[in-house]
PDB file of N, CA and C in Angstrom:
ATOM      1  N   UNK A   1      79.804  90.417  12.139  1.00  0.00           N
ATOM      2  CA  UNK A   1      79.641  90.379  13.574  1.00  0.00           C
ATOM      3  C   UNK A   1      80.186  91.676  14.155  1.00  0.00           C
ATOM      4  N   UNK A   2      79.431  92.254  15.055  1.00  0.00           N
ATOM      5  CA  UNK A   2      79.830  93.512  15.677  1.00  0.00           C
ATOM      6  C   UNK A   2      80.797  93.261  16.831  1.00  0.00           C
ATOM      7  N   UNK A   3      81.562  94.270  17.133  1.00  0.00           N
ATOM      8  CA  UNK A   3      82.480  94.226  18.272  1.00  0.00           C
ATOM      9  C   UNK A   3      82.035  95.261  19.282  1.00  0.00           C
ATOM     10  N   UNK A   4      81.991  94.848  20.545  1.00  0.00           N
ATOM     11  CA  UNK A   4      81.627  95.745  21.633  1.00  0.00           C
ATOM     12  C   UNK A   4      82.687  95.626  22.714  1.00  0.00           C
ATOM     13  N   UNK A   5      83.070  96.734  23.263  1.00  0.00           N
ATOM     14  CA  UNK A   5      84.050  96.740  24.346  1.00  0.00           C
ATOM     15  C   UNK A   5      83.323  97.045  25.645  1.00  0.00           C
ATOM     16  N   UNK A   6      83.620  96.247  26.670  1.00  0.00           N
ATOM     17  CA  UNK A   6      83.067  96.525  27.998  1.00  0.00           C
ATOM     18  C   UNK A   6      84.210  96.637  28.989  1.00  0.00           C
ATOM     19  N   UNK A   7      83.989  97.442  29.987  1.00  0.00           N
ATOM     20  CA  UNK A   7      84.979  97.585  31.047  1.00  0.00           C
ATOM     21  C   UNK A   7      84.403  96.929  32.295  1.00  0.00           C
ATOM     22  N   UNK A   8      85.167  96.024  32.867  1.00  0.00           N
ATOM     23  CA  UNK A   8      84.719  95.363  34.085  1.00  0.00           C
ATOM     24  C   UNK A   8      85.836  95.428  35.124  1.00  0.00           C
ATOM     25  N   UNK A   9      85.445  95.396  36.353  1.00  0.00           N
ATOM     26  CA  UNK A   9      86.404  95.441  37.449  1.00  0.00           C
ATOM     27  C   UNK A   9      87.320  94.223  37.382  1.00  0.00           C
ATOM     28  N   UNK A  10      88.557  94.410  37.832  1.00  0.00           N
ATOM     29  CA  UNK A  10      89.537  93.320  37.815  1.00  0.00           C
ATOM     30  C   UNK A  10      89.042  92.103  38.597  1.00  0.00           C
ATOM     31  N   UNK A  11      88.421  92.352  39.743  1.00  0.00           N
ATOM     32  CA  UNK A  11      87.939  91.253  40.579  1.00  0.00           C
ATOM     33  C   UNK A  11      86.885  90.433  39.846  1.00  0.00           C
ATOM     34  N   UNK A  12      85.964  91.094  39.137  1.00  0.00           N
ATOM     35  CA  UNK A  12      84.940  90.377  38.378  1.00  0.00           C
ATOM     36  C   UNK A  12      85.571  89.602  37.230  1.00  0.00           C
ATOM     37  N   UNK A  13      86.524  90.185  36.550  1.00  0.00           N
ATOM     38  CA  UNK A  13      87.215  89.503  35.460  1.00  0.00           C
ATOM     39  C   UNK A  13      87.899  88.239  35.974  1.00  0.00           C
ATOM     40  N   UNK A  14      88.502  88.313  37.156  1.00  0.00           N
ATOM     41  CA  UNK A  14      89.140  87.140  37.765  1.00  0.00           C
ATOM     42  C   UNK A  14      88.110  86.057  38.047  1.00  0.00           C
ATOM     43  N   UNK A  15      86.970  86.459  38.581  1.00  0.00           N
ATOM     44  CA  UNK A  15      85.902  85.503  38.878  1.00  0.00           C
ATOM     45  C   UNK A  15      85.378  84.859  37.602  1.00  0.00           C
ATOM     46  N   UNK A  16      85.176  85.677  36.558  1.00  0.00           N
ATOM     47  CA  UNK A  16      84.695  85.152  35.270  1.00  0.00           C
ATOM     48  C   UNK A  16      85.689  84.138  34.708  1.00  0.00           C
ATOM     49  N   UNK A  17      86.965  84.474  34.759  1.00  0.00           N
ATOM     50  CA  UNK A  17      87.999  83.578  34.243  1.00  0.00           C
ATOM     51  C   UNK A  17      87.975  82.243  34.970  1.00  0.00           C
ATOM     52  N   UNK A  18      87.842  82.283  36.299  1.00  0.00           N
ATOM     53  CA  UNK A  18      87.823  81.051  37.092  1.00  0.00           C
ATOM     54  C   UNK A  18      86.595  80.202  36.776  1.00  0.00           C
ATOM     55  N   UNK A  19      85.441  80.831  36.698  1.00  0.00           N
ATOM     56  CA  UNK A  19      84.204  80.092  36.422  1.00  0.00           C
ATOM     57  C   UNK A  19      84.220  79.539  34.997  1.00  0.00           C
ATOM     58  N   UNK A  20      84.690  80.334  34.067  1.00  0.00           N
ATOM     59  CA  UNK A  20      84.770  79.886  32.677  1.00  0.00           C
ATOM     60  C   UNK A  20      85.692  78.682  32.550  1.00  0.00           C
ATOM     61  N   UNK A  21      86.807  78.733  33.246  1.00  0.00           N
ATOM     62  CA  UNK A  21      87.763  77.625  33.206  1.00  0.00           C
ATOM     63  C   UNK A  21      87.119  76.344  33.726  1.00  0.00           C
ATOM     64  N   UNK A  22      86.387  76.458  34.833  1.00  0.00           N
ATOM     65  CA  UNK A  22      85.698  75.288  35.385  1.00  0.00           C
ATOM     66  C   UNK A  22      84.643  74.759  34.425  1.00  0.00           C
ATOM     67  N   UNK A  23      84.045  75.645  33.644  1.00  0.00           N
ATOM     68  CA  UNK A  23      83.022  75.245  32.670  1.00  0.00           C
ATOM     69  C   UNK A  23      83.634  74.771  31.357  1.00  0.00           C
ATOM     70  N   UNK A  24      84.953  74.862  31.253  1.00  0.00           N
ATOM     71  CA  UNK A  24      85.618  74.436  30.024  1.00  0.00           C
ATOM     72  C   UNK A  24      85.422  75.407  28.872  1.00  0.00           C
ATOM     73  N   UNK A  25      85.276  76.680  29.209  1.00  0.00           N
ATOM     74  CA  UNK A  25      85.052  77.720  28.201  1.00  0.00           C
ATOM     75  C   UNK A  25      86.096  78.815  28.357  1.00  0.00           C
ATOM     76  N   UNK A  26      86.211  79.603  27.312  1.00  0.00           N
ATOM     77  CA  UNK A  26      87.029  80.803  27.425  1.00  0.00           C
ATOM     78  C   UNK A  26      86.207  81.859  28.161  1.00  0.00           C
ATOM     79  N   UNK A  27      86.863  82.846  28.784  1.00  0.00           N
ATOM     80  CA  UNK A  27      86.097  83.923  29.414  1.00  0.00           C
ATOM     81  C   UNK A  27      85.163  84.614  28.403  1.00  0.00           C
ATOM     82  N   UNK A  28      85.638  84.781  27.188  1.00  0.00           N
ATOM     83  CA  UNK A  28      84.811  85.407  26.143  1.00  0.00           C
ATOM     84  C   UNK A  28      83.539  84.593  25.896  1.00  0.00           C
ATOM     85  N   UNK A  29      83.691  83.288  25.698  1.00  0.00           N
ATOM     86  CA  UNK A  29      82.531  82.428  25.445  1.00  0.00           C
ATOM     87  C   UNK A  29      81.588  82.428  26.644  1.00  0.00           C
ATOM     88  N   UNK A  30      82.154  82.414  27.850  1.00  0.00           N
ATOM     89  CA  UNK A  30      81.330  82.435  29.053  1.00  0.00           C
ATOM     90  C   UNK A  30      80.507  83.712  29.126  1.00  0.00           C
ATOM     91  N   UNK A  31      81.139  84.851  28.836  1.00  0.00           N
ATOM     92  CA  UNK A  31      80.419  86.130  28.883  1.00  0.00           C
ATOM     93  C   UNK A  31      79.344  86.201  27.811  1.00  0.00           C
ATOM     94  N   UNK A  32      79.631  85.684  26.614  1.00  0.00           N
ATOM     95  CA  UNK A  32      78.610  85.669  25.562  1.00  0.00           C
ATOM     96  C   UNK A  32      77.416  84.822  25.984  1.00  0.00           C
ATOM     97  N   UNK A  33      77.684  83.651  26.572  1.00  0.00           N
ATOM     98  CA  UNK A  33      76.595  82.799  27.051  1.00  0.00           C
ATOM     99  C   UNK A  33      75.778  83.507  28.126  1.00  0.00           C
ATOM    100  N   UNK A  34      76.471  84.187  29.043  1.00  0.00           N
ATOM    101  CA  UNK A  34      75.774  84.889  30.125  1.00  0.00           C
ATOM    102  C   UNK A  34      74.890  85.998  29.568  1.00  0.00           C
ATOM    103  N   UNK A  35      75.398  86.735  28.611  1.00  0.00           N
ATOM    104  CA  UNK A  35      74.607  87.814  28.002  1.00  0.00           C
ATOM    105  C   UNK A  35      73.410  87.236  27.269  1.00  0.00           C
ATOM    106  N   UNK A  36      73.631  86.171  26.493  1.00  0.00           N
ATOM    107  CA  UNK A  36      72.528  85.545  25.751  1.00  0.00           C
ATOM    108  C   UNK A  36      71.458  85.019  26.706  1.00  0.00           C
ATOM    109  N   UNK A  37      71.891  84.427  27.819  1.00  0.00           N
ATOM    110  CA  UNK A  37      70.940  83.906  28.798  1.00  0.00           C
ATOM    111  C   UNK A  37      70.116  85.038  29.413  1.00  0.00           C
ATOM    112  N   UNK A  38      70.750  86.142  29.732  1.00  0.00           N
ATOM    113  CA  UNK A  38      70.033  87.271  30.331  1.00  0.00           C
ATOM    114  C   UNK A  38      69.065  87.909  29.338  1.00  0.00           C
ATOM    115  N   UNK A  39      69.471  87.991  28.070  1.00  0.00           N
ATOM    116  CA  UNK A  39      68.578  88.534  27.035  1.00  0.00           C
ATOM    117  C   UNK A  39      67.352  87.631  26.887  1.00  0.00           C
ATOM    118  N   UNK A  40      67.569  86.318  26.846  1.00  0.00           N
ATOM    119  CA  UNK A  40      66.456  85.362  26.754  1.00  0.00           C
ATOM    120  C   UNK A  40      65.508  85.515  27.934  1.00  0.00           C
ATOM    121  N   UNK A  41      66.065  85.661  29.134  1.00  0.00           N
ATOM    122  CA  UNK A  41      65.241  85.843  30.328  1.00  0.00           C
ATOM    123  C   UNK A  41      64.412  87.120  30.231  1.00  0.00           C
ATOM    124  N   UNK A  42      65.030  88.201  29.794  1.00  0.00           N
ATOM    125  CA  UNK A  42      64.313  89.476  29.673  1.00  0.00           C
ATOM    126  C   UNK A  42      63.200  89.378  28.631  1.00  0.00           C
ATOM    127  N   UNK A  43      63.467  88.678  27.537  1.00  0.00           N
ATOM    128  CA  UNK A  43      62.445  88.501  26.506  1.00  0.00           C
ATOM    129  C   UNK A  43      61.279  87.664  27.028  1.00  0.00           C
ATOM    130  N   UNK A  44      61.574  86.610  27.785  1.00  0.00           N
ATOM    131  CA  UNK A  44      60.514  85.782  28.363  1.00  0.00           C
ATOM    132  C   UNK A  44      59.694  86.567  29.379  1.00  0.00           C
ATOM    133  N   UNK A  45      60.357  87.384  30.177  1.00  0.00           N
ATOM    134  CA  UNK A  45      59.637  88.215  31.149  1.00  0.00           C
ATOM    135  C   UNK A  45      58.713  89.203  30.432  1.00  0.00           C
ATOM    136  N   UNK A  46      59.198  89.800  29.355  1.00  0.00           N
ATOM    137  CA  UNK A  46      58.379  90.745  28.592  1.00  0.00           C
ATOM    138  C   UNK A  46      57.164  90.039  27.992  1.00  0.00           C
ATOM    139  N   UNK A  47      57.368  88.844  27.460  1.00  0.00           N
ATOM    140  CA  UNK A  47      56.256  88.072  26.885  1.00  0.00           C
ATOM    141  C   UNK A  47      55.244  87.712  27.970  1.00  0.00           C
ATOM    142  N   UNK A  48      55.741  87.334  29.152  1.00  0.00           N
ATOM    143  CA  UNK A  48      54.860  87.018  30.275  1.00  0.00           C
ATOM    144  C   UNK A  48      54.014  88.229  30.652  1.00  0.00           C
ATOM    145  N   UNK A  49      54.636  89.396  30.717  1.00  0.00           N
ATOM    146  CA  UNK A  49      53.899  90.609  31.081  1.00  0.00           C
ATOM    147  C   UNK A  49      52.882  90.987  30.006  1.00  0.00           C
ATOM    148  N   UNK A  50      53.235  90.800  28.737  1.00  0.00           N
ATOM    149  CA  UNK A  50      52.257  91.068  27.666  1.00  0.00           C
ATOM    150  C   UNK A  50      51.053  90.149  27.793  1.00  0.00           C
ATOM    151  N   UNK A  51      51.292  88.866  28.067  1.00  0.00           N
ATOM    152  CA  UNK A  51      50.201  87.909  28.239  1.00  0.00           C
ATOM    153  C   UNK A  51      49.346  88.269  29.449  1.00  0.00           C
ATOM    154  N   UNK A  52      49.989  88.606  30.556  1.00  0.00           N
ATOM    155  CA  UNK A  52      49.243  88.988  31.761  1.00  0.00           C
ATOM    156  C   UNK A  52      48.401  90.232  31.506  1.00  0.00           C
ATOM    157  N   UNK A  53      48.970  91.212  30.816  1.00  0.00           N
ATOM    158  CA  UNK A  53      48.215  92.433  30.500  1.00  0.00           C
ATOM    159  C   UNK A  53      47.018  92.116  29.605  1.00  0.00           C
ATOM    160  N   UNK A  54      47.219  91.249  28.615  1.00  0.00           N
ATOM    161  CA  UNK A  54      46.125  90.885  27.715  1.00  0.00           C
ATOM    162  C   UNK A  54      45.020  90.159  28.478  1.00  0.00           C
ATOM    163  N   UNK A  55      45.416  89.285  29.384  1.00  0.00           N
ATOM    164  CA  UNK A  55      44.403  88.558  30.172  1.00  0.00           C
ATOM    165  C   UNK A  55      43.664  89.490  31.122  1.00  0.00           C
ATOM    166  N   UNK A  56      44.390  90.432  31.707  1.00  0.00           N
ATOM    167  CA  UNK A  56      43.735  91.396  32.599  1.00  0.00           C
ATOM    168  C   UNK A  56      42.776  92.270  31.798  1.00  0.00           C
ATOM    169  N   UNK A  57      43.180  92.689  30.597  1.00  0.00           N
ATOM    170  CA  UNK A  57      42.291  93.462  29.728  1.00  0.00           C
ATOM    171  C   UNK A  57      41.016  92.675  29.431  1.00  0.00           C
ATOM    172  N   UNK A  58      41.155  91.362  29.223  1.00  0.00           N
ATOM    173  CA  UNK A  58      39.992  90.517  28.955  1.00  0.00           C
ATOM    174  C   UNK A  58      39.073  90.453  30.173  1.00  0.00           C
ATOM    175  N   UNK A  59      39.655  90.342  31.356  1.00  0.00           N
ATOM    176  CA  UNK A  59      38.845  90.326  32.585  1.00  0.00           C
ATOM    177  C   UNK A  59      38.080  91.635  32.704  1.00  0.00           C
ATOM    178  N   UNK A  60      38.765  92.739  32.470  1.00  0.00           N
ATOM    179  CA  UNK A  60      38.091  94.044  32.567  1.00  0.00           C
ATOM    180  C   UNK A  60      37.022  94.210  31.498  1.00  0.00           C
ATOM    181  N   UNK A  61      37.274  93.698  30.292  1.00  0.00           N
ATOM    182  CA  UNK A  61      36.314  93.855  29.194  1.00  0.00           C
ATOM    183  C   UNK A  61      35.072  92.982  29.394  1.00  0.00           C
ATOM    184  N   UNK A  62      35.269  91.758  29.865  1.00  0.00           N
ATOM    185  CA  UNK A  62      34.142  90.835  30.008  1.00  0.00           C
ATOM    186  C   UNK A  62      33.518  90.874  31.390  1.00  0.00           C
ATOM    187  N   UNK A  63      34.302  91.320  32.373  1.00  0.00           N
ATOM    188  CA  UNK A  63      33.810  91.328  33.745  1.00  0.00           C
ATOM    189  C   UNK A  63      33.762  89.942  34.355  1.00  0.00           C
ATOM    190  N   UNK A  64      34.410  88.967  33.704  1.00  0.00           N
ATOM    191  CA  UNK A  64      34.345  87.591  34.197  1.00  0.00           C
ATOM    192  C   UNK A  64      35.734  87.046  34.497  1.00  0.00           C
ATOM    193  N   UNK A  65      35.771  86.216  35.526  1.00  0.00           N
ATOM    194  CA  UNK A  65      36.999  85.551  35.916  1.00  0.00           C
ATOM    195  C   UNK A  65      36.636  84.243  36.605  1.00  0.00           C
ATOM    196  N   UNK A  66      37.628  83.436  36.909  1.00  0.00           N
ATOM    197  CA  UNK A  66      37.398  82.169  37.611  1.00  0.00           C
ATOM    198  C   UNK A  66      37.852  82.352  39.050  1.00  0.00           C
ATOM    199  N   UNK A  67      37.029  81.912  39.978  1.00  0.00           N
ATOM    200  CA  UNK A  67      37.365  82.021  41.402  1.00  0.00           C
ATOM    201  C   UNK A  67      38.634  81.217  41.682  1.00  0.00           C
ATOM    202  N   UNK A  68      39.502  81.762  42.543  1.00  0.00           N
ATOM    203  CA  UNK A  68      40.764  81.088  42.853  1.00  0.00           C
ATOM    204  C   UNK A  68      40.536  79.676  43.386  1.00  0.00           C
ATOM    205  N   UNK A  69      39.583  79.497  44.289  1.00  0.00           N
ATOM    206  CA  UNK A  69      39.336  78.163  44.845  1.00  0.00           C
ATOM    207  C   UNK A  69      38.954  77.170  43.761  1.00  0.00           C
ATOM    208  N   UNK A  70      38.146  77.622  42.787  1.00  0.00           N
ATOM    209  CA  UNK A  70      37.756  76.749  41.672  1.00  0.00           C
ATOM    210  C   UNK A  70      38.955  76.429  40.785  1.00  0.00           C
ATOM    211  N   UNK A  71      39.754  77.433  40.493  1.00  0.00           N
ATOM    212  CA  UNK A  71      40.940  77.227  39.650  1.00  0.00           C
ATOM    213  C   UNK A  71      41.925  76.301  40.351  1.00  0.00           C
ATOM    214  N   UNK A  72      42.120  76.495  41.648  1.00  0.00           N
ATOM    215  CA  UNK A  72      43.056  75.671  42.409  1.00  0.00           C
ATOM    216  C   UNK A  72      42.584  74.218  42.436  1.00  0.00           C
ATOM    217  N   UNK A  73      41.306  74.003  42.678  1.00  0.00           N
ATOM    218  CA  UNK A  73      40.771  72.634  42.707  1.00  0.00           C
ATOM    219  C   UNK A  73      40.944  71.968  41.342  1.00  0.00           C
ATOM    220  N   UNK A  74      40.717  72.727  40.276  1.00  0.00           N
ATOM    221  CA  UNK A  74      40.872  72.191  38.914  1.00  0.00           C
ATOM    222  C   UNK A  74      42.326  71.807  38.665  1.00  0.00           C
ATOM    223  N   UNK A  75      43.249  72.680  39.036  1.00  0.00           N
ATOM    224  CA  UNK A  75      44.671  72.395  38.838  1.00  0.00           C
ATOM    225  C   UNK A  75      45.124  71.193  39.663  1.00  0.00           C
ATOM    226  N   UNK A  76      44.650  71.087  40.888  1.00  0.00           N
ATOM    227  CA  UNK A  76      45.020  69.951  41.724  1.00  0.00           C
ATOM    228  C   UNK A  76      44.511  68.639  41.131  1.00  0.00           C
ATOM    229  N   UNK A  77      43.290  68.659  40.617  1.00  0.00           N
ATOM    230  CA  UNK A  77      42.737  67.455  39.987  1.00  0.00           C
ATOM    231  C   UNK A  77      43.551  67.084  38.745  1.00  0.00           C
ATOM    232  N   UNK A  78      43.910  68.088  37.943  1.00  0.00           N
ATOM    233  CA  UNK A  78      44.728  67.830  36.744  1.00  0.00           C
ATOM    234  C   UNK A  78      46.080  67.247  37.134  1.00  0.00           C
ATOM    235  N   UNK A  79      46.660  67.738  38.235  1.00  0.00           N
ATOM    236  CA  UNK A  79      47.971  67.238  38.655  1.00  0.00           C
ATOM    237  C   UNK A  79      47.898  65.785  39.121  1.00  0.00           C
ATOM    238  N   UNK A  80      46.703  65.348  39.502  1.00  0.00           N
ATOM    239  CA  UNK A  80      46.511  63.946  39.892  1.00  0.00           C
ATOM    240  C   UNK A  80      46.178  63.068  38.691  1.00  0.00           C
ATOM    241  N   UNK A  81      46.154  63.661  37.499  1.00  0.00           N
ATOM    242  CA  UNK A  81      45.858  62.895  36.289  1.00  0.00           C
ATOM    243  C   UNK A  81      44.384  62.818  35.951  1.00  0.00           C
ATOM    244  N   UNK A  82      43.575  63.543  36.684  1.00  0.00           N
ATOM    245  CA  UNK A  82      42.134  63.559  36.417  1.00  0.00           C
ATOM    246  C   UNK A  82      41.843  64.532  35.272  1.00  0.00           C
ATOM    247  N   UNK A  83      40.634  64.446  34.736  1.00  0.00           N
ATOM    248  CA  UNK A  83      40.225  65.329  33.633  1.00  0.00           C
ATOM    249  C   UNK A  83      38.919  66.035  33.997  1.00  0.00           C
ATOM    250  N   UNK A  84      38.970  66.929  34.980  1.00  0.00           N
ATOM    251  CA  UNK A  84      37.750  67.615  35.412  1.00  0.00           C
ATOM    252  C   UNK A  84      37.310  68.661  34.381  1.00  0.00           C
ATOM    253  N   UNK A  85      36.033  69.043  34.473  1.00  0.00           N
ATOM    254  CA  UNK A  85      35.544  70.137  33.632  1.00  0.00           C
ATOM    255  C   UNK A  85      36.200  71.426  34.087  1.00  0.00           C
ATOM    256  N   UNK A  86      36.433  72.302  33.113  1.00  0.00           N
ATOM    257  CA  UNK A  86      37.009  73.604  33.465  1.00  0.00           C
ATOM    258  C   UNK A  86      36.025  74.379  34.329  1.00  0.00           C
ATOM    259  N   UNK A  87      36.534  75.126  35.295  1.00  0.00           N
ATOM    260  CA  UNK A  87      35.617  75.925  36.123  1.00  0.00           C
ATOM    261  C   UNK A  87      34.942  77.018  35.298  1.00  0.00           C
ATOM    262  N   UNK A  88      33.741  77.346  35.677  1.00  0.00           N
ATOM    263  CA  UNK A  88      32.978  78.370  34.961  1.00  0.00           C
ATOM    264  C   UNK A  88      33.373  79.760  35.424  1.00  0.00           C
ATOM    265  N   UNK A  89      33.472  80.688  34.470  1.00  0.00           N
ATOM    266  CA  UNK A  89      33.748  82.071  34.873  1.00  0.00           C
ATOM    267  C   UNK A  89      32.547  82.681  35.584  1.00  0.00           C
ATOM    268  N   UNK A  90      32.847  83.647  36.399  1.00  0.00           N
ATOM    269  CA  UNK A  90      31.794  84.366  37.138  1.00  0.00           C
ATOM    270  C   UNK A  90      32.074  85.854  37.055  1.00  0.00           C
ATOM    271  N   UNK A  91      31.146  86.636  37.514  1.00  0.00           N
ATOM    272  CA  UNK A  91      31.349  88.095  37.502  1.00  0.00           C
ATOM    273  C   UNK A  91      32.522  88.453  38.393  1.00  0.00           C
ATOM    274  N   UNK A  92      33.326  89.372  37.921  1.00  0.00           N
ATOM    275  CA  UNK A  92      34.509  89.837  38.645  1.00  0.00           C
ATOM    276  C   UNK A  92      34.093  90.644  39.852  1.00  0.00           C
ATOM    277  N   UNK A  93      34.695  90.319  41.008  1.00  0.00           N
ATOM    278  CA  UNK A  93      34.400  91.058  42.235  1.00  0.00           C
ATOM    279  C   UNK A  93      35.630  91.848  42.628  1.00  0.00           C
ATOM    280  N   UNK A  94      35.434  93.084  42.953  1.00  0.00           N
ATOM    281  CA  UNK A  94      36.550  93.929  43.405  1.00  0.00           C
ATOM    282  C   UNK A  94      36.618  93.971  44.888  1.00  0.00           C
TER     283      UNK A  94
END
């Protein structure tokens, strides 16, 4: 396991200690959890952007997309427990 040293302001260290205590953790464990949570968030954001880029590339390559009104109606029906047909793609309009 690697060791890393960080310098933080006294006021932040006091806040971390108080929050960690309320959570029943040591300040060290609290900071490790916070770092792990932020890394996970950054990884999920990166994956989301890769997926969005791939989907946009597909729209540009095929020239087809689903109209927002059609997609919204489909999603609303699904949220009501219905099983509607997927909306048909159409030519992309700029």
